[in-house]
Protein backbone atom coordinates (compact mmCIF):
# COMPACT_ATOMS: atom_id res chain seq x y z
CA MET A 1 26.66 -31.95 3.24
CA PHE A 2 27.49 -33.36 -0.16
CA THR A 3 23.80 -33.52 -1.13
CA PHE A 4 23.32 -29.88 -0.11
CA ILE A 5 26.20 -28.77 -2.34
CA LEU A 6 24.97 -30.99 -5.18
CA GLY A 7 21.44 -29.55 -4.84
CA SER A 8 22.73 -25.98 -4.82
CA LEU A 9 24.82 -26.66 -7.90
CA ALA A 10 21.86 -28.28 -9.71
CA GLY A 11 19.59 -25.35 -8.80
CA GLY A 12 22.15 -22.84 -10.03
CA LEU A 13 22.55 -24.68 -13.31
CA ALA A 14 18.77 -24.89 -13.78
CA VAL A 15 18.38 -21.14 -13.21
CA TRP A 16 21.25 -20.42 -15.58
CA TYR A 17 19.83 -22.70 -18.30
CA TRP A 18 16.10 -21.95 -17.94
CA GLY A 19 16.28 -18.56 -16.20
CA GLU A 20 14.95 -16.43 -19.05
CA GLN A 21 12.11 -18.84 -19.75
CA LEU A 22 11.20 -18.88 -16.05
CA ARG A 23 11.18 -15.06 -15.93
CA GLU A 24 8.95 -14.85 -19.01
CA LEU A 25 6.58 -17.46 -17.56
CA ALA A 26 6.38 -15.62 -14.25
CA GLU A 27 5.78 -12.33 -16.07
CA SER A 28 2.95 -13.69 -18.21
CA LYS A 29 1.24 -15.63 -15.41
CA THR A 30 1.30 -12.81 -12.86
CA ARG A 31 0.28 -9.92 -15.12
CA GLY A 32 -3.40 -10.15 -14.20
CA VAL A 33 -2.68 -10.50 -10.51
CA ARG A 34 -0.38 -7.48 -10.53
CA LYS A 35 -2.95 -5.41 -12.45
CA GLY A 36 -5.63 -6.39 -9.94
CA ALA A 37 -3.37 -5.46 -7.04
CA ALA A 38 -2.60 -2.08 -8.61
CA ASP A 39 -6.31 -1.40 -9.14
CA THR A 40 -7.04 -2.36 -5.53
CA LEU A 41 -4.32 -0.04 -4.27
CA LYS A 42 -5.79 2.83 -6.33
CA THR A 43 -9.23 2.17 -4.80
CA VAL A 44 -7.73 2.09 -1.30
CA GLU A 45 -5.94 5.38 -2.02
CA LYS A 46 -9.18 7.09 -3.08
CA THR A 47 -11.06 5.73 -0.07
CA ALA A 48 -8.31 6.80 2.33
CA GLU A 49 -8.26 10.31 0.84
CA SER A 50 -12.02 10.58 1.30
CA VAL A 51 -11.89 9.35 4.89
CA LEU A 52 -9.01 11.70 5.73
CA ASP A 53 -10.84 14.67 4.22
CA ARG A 54 -13.98 13.93 6.25
CA THR A 55 -11.93 13.39 9.40
CA LYS A 56 -10.09 16.68 8.87
CA GLU A 57 -13.41 18.51 8.55
CA GLN A 58 -14.76 16.85 11.73
CA VAL A 59 -11.61 17.64 13.71
CA SER A 60 -11.63 21.25 12.53
CA SER A 61 -15.29 21.59 13.45
CA ALA A 62 -14.73 20.04 16.88
CA LEU A 63 -11.75 22.30 17.56
CA GLN A 64 -13.71 25.37 16.54
CA ALA A 65 -16.60 24.35 18.79
CA GLY A 66 -14.16 23.81 21.65
CA GLN A 67 -12.60 27.23 21.13
CA ASP A 68 -16.04 28.84 21.02
CA ALA A 69 -17.05 27.04 24.22
CA ILE A 70 -14.05 28.16 26.27
CA ARG A 71 -13.61 31.65 24.82
CA PRO A 72 -14.82 34.25 27.29
CA PRO A 73 -17.86 36.22 26.14
CA HIS A 74 -17.14 39.53 24.44
CA VAL A 75 -18.09 42.39 26.72
CA THR A 76 -19.25 45.60 25.03
CA ARG A 77 -19.01 48.94 26.88
C-alpha cells in the first residue's frame, strides 16, 4: 500500500513539474496524426453523403414502382 501511495505522489509531482512540457510534446508529436484523422473523417463524410443520396434515389424509385404496380388501373368512361 505504501508503494502505491509513493508512486501516486511521484506521478503527481512529475506531472506538476513537467506537465507543460509534456503537453507541448504531445501537441507537436500528434499534430500530423490528428490532421490525417480529420482528413479521413472528411473523406468518410463525403462518401457517406454520396451513398445516402444514391440509396435515397433507389428507395424512392422502388416505392414509386411499388405504388404503380398496386394502383388499380384508371378506368375511363
